[in-house]
Amino acid sequence: MSETLVFPSLPMVRCARCGRIDTSMRSVCAGCLSSDLRPEPVAGVGRVVSFTTIRRAPTQFRDQAPYDVVVVDLDAGLRVTGRLAADSRRPEIGSRVHAIRAERADTLFMVSEQA
């Protein structure tokens, strides 16, 4: 029997007027400027489109440096930025990743074992 893995969902919003889905950091829709945004969690899985290693980190992350920041195209159709878990293997462009923690603007990803 195949085991189904469950990953944390990422908090997003969907515009009730035009249906656009976007990050929850917005107060109005980027497509139609409606303020009728409703919470809609999306699966935190996707592919790496870019990444970089931060060696000189901002003050609040200094104790975690060096660390990798990844840009991920989520399977849900959004592009998000997050950090890579310290115990994750190094990403490559196109690597599959999944969220392991999602707290407001701090999403932590891990490279998935399966491509």
Protein backbone atom coordinates (compact mmCIF):
# COMPACT_ATOMS: atom_id res chain seq x y z
CA MET A 1 0.00 0.00 0.00
CA SER A 2 1.34 3.44 -1.00
CA GLU A 3 1.73 6.03 1.75
CA THR A 4 0.41 9.52 1.00
CA LEU A 5 2.58 12.33 2.33
CA VAL A 6 0.89 15.41 3.74
CA PHE A 7 2.71 18.73 3.65
CA PRO A 8 1.72 22.00 5.29
CA SER A 9 -0.47 24.17 3.11
CA LEU A 10 0.56 27.74 2.41
CA PRO A 11 -1.86 30.52 3.38
CA MET A 12 -3.00 32.35 0.24
CA VAL A 13 -6.06 34.40 -0.70
CA ARG A 14 -8.49 34.19 -3.62
CA CYS A 15 -10.27 37.25 -4.97
CA ALA A 16 -14.04 36.77 -4.78
CA ARG A 17 -14.52 39.09 -7.77
CA CYS A 18 -12.03 37.82 -10.39
CA GLY A 19 -10.84 34.51 -8.88
CA ARG A 20 -7.13 35.42 -8.86
CA ILE A 21 -5.11 33.61 -6.18
CA ASP A 22 -2.23 35.43 -4.52
CA THR A 23 -0.16 35.62 -1.36
CA SER A 24 -1.96 36.44 1.86
CA MET A 25 0.20 39.54 2.31
CA ARG A 26 -2.13 41.58 0.09
CA SER A 27 -5.02 43.77 1.14
CA VAL A 28 -6.39 44.22 -2.40
CA CYS A 29 -6.39 42.00 -5.48
CA ALA A 30 -3.48 42.71 -7.84
CA GLY A 31 -5.75 41.88 -10.79
CA CYS A 32 -8.93 43.90 -10.16
CA LEU A 33 -8.19 45.89 -6.95
CA SER A 34 -11.11 44.31 -5.09
CA SER A 35 -10.68 44.10 -1.32
CA ASP A 36 -12.89 40.98 -1.14
CA LEU A 37 -10.05 38.49 -0.60
CA ARG A 38 -10.84 35.16 1.01
CA PRO A 39 -8.38 32.75 2.64
CA GLU A 40 -7.48 29.76 0.50
CA PRO A 41 -4.68 27.41 1.51
CA VAL A 42 -2.65 25.84 -1.32
CA ALA A 43 -0.36 22.81 -1.33
CA GLY A 44 3.23 23.75 -0.54
CA VAL A 45 4.82 21.67 -3.31
CA GLY A 46 6.56 22.78 -6.48
CA ARG A 47 9.81 23.17 -8.41
CA VAL A 48 12.87 25.35 -7.79
CA VAL A 49 13.30 28.04 -10.46
CA SER A 50 16.16 29.87 -8.75
CA PHE A 51 18.21 29.76 -5.55
CA THR A 52 21.11 31.47 -3.85
CA THR A 53 23.19 31.01 -0.72
CA ILE A 54 23.08 33.81 1.85
CA ARG A 55 26.40 34.10 3.66
CA ARG A 56 26.03 37.60 5.19
CA ALA A 57 22.54 37.41 6.62
CA PRO A 58 20.30 40.16 8.02
CA THR A 59 20.45 40.52 11.79
CA GLN A 60 17.42 38.32 12.60
CA PHE A 61 18.88 35.41 10.55
CA ARG A 62 22.57 35.91 11.30
CA ASP A 63 22.78 32.84 13.55
CA GLN A 64 21.44 30.67 10.70
CA ALA A 65 23.93 31.75 7.99
CA PRO A 66 24.92 30.42 5.61
CA TYR A 67 21.52 29.31 4.29
CA ASP A 68 19.84 28.89 0.92
CA VAL A 69 16.91 30.95 -0.35
CA VAL A 70 14.79 29.32 -3.05
CA VAL A 71 12.29 30.69 -5.55
CA VAL A 72 9.61 28.04 -6.12
CA ASP A 73 6.91 27.69 -8.75
CA LEU A 74 4.15 26.01 -6.77
CA ASP A 75 2.04 23.38 -8.47
CA ALA A 76 -0.93 25.67 -7.65
CA GLY A 77 0.41 28.25 -10.12
CA LEU A 78 2.06 30.78 -7.80
CA ARG A 79 5.71 31.76 -7.45
CA VAL A 80 6.95 32.12 -3.87
CA THR A 81 10.26 32.64 -2.10
CA GLY A 82 11.37 30.75 0.98
CA ARG A 83 14.35 29.36 2.83
CA LEU A 84 15.71 25.86 2.41
CA ALA A 85 15.91 23.71 5.55
CA ALA A 86 19.45 23.35 6.88
CA ASP A 87 19.26 19.54 6.66
CA SER A 88 17.94 19.51 3.08
CA ARG A 89 20.12 18.35 0.25
CA ARG A 90 21.34 21.10 -2.09
CA PRO A 91 18.77 22.12 -4.72
CA GLU A 92 19.17 22.24 -8.46
CA ILE A 93 17.06 24.21 -10.91
CA GLY A 94 13.98 22.03 -11.43
CA SER A 95 14.31 20.18 -8.10
CA ARG A 96 10.99 19.21 -6.51
CA VAL A 97 10.53 20.78 -3.08
CA HIS A 98 7.86 20.71 -0.39
CA ALA A 99 7.10 23.07 2.46
CA ILE A 100 7.86 21.75 5.92
CA ARG A 101 6.82 24.91 7.77
CA ALA A 102 4.80 27.94 6.76
CA GLU A 103 4.48 30.89 9.12
CA ARG A 104 3.37 34.20 7.58
CA ALA A 105 6.25 35.34 5.36
CA ASP A 106 8.65 32.60 6.50
CA THR A 107 8.25 29.41 4.48
CA LEU A 108 10.78 26.63 4.96
CA PHE A 109 11.22 24.16 2.09
CA MET A 110 13.02 20.85 1.72
CA VAL A 111 14.18 19.18 -1.48
CA SER A 112 11.94 16.16 -2.09
CA GLU A 113 13.53 12.77 -2.49
CA GLN A 114 11.52 12.02 -5.62
CA ALA A 115 11.90 14.21 -8.71
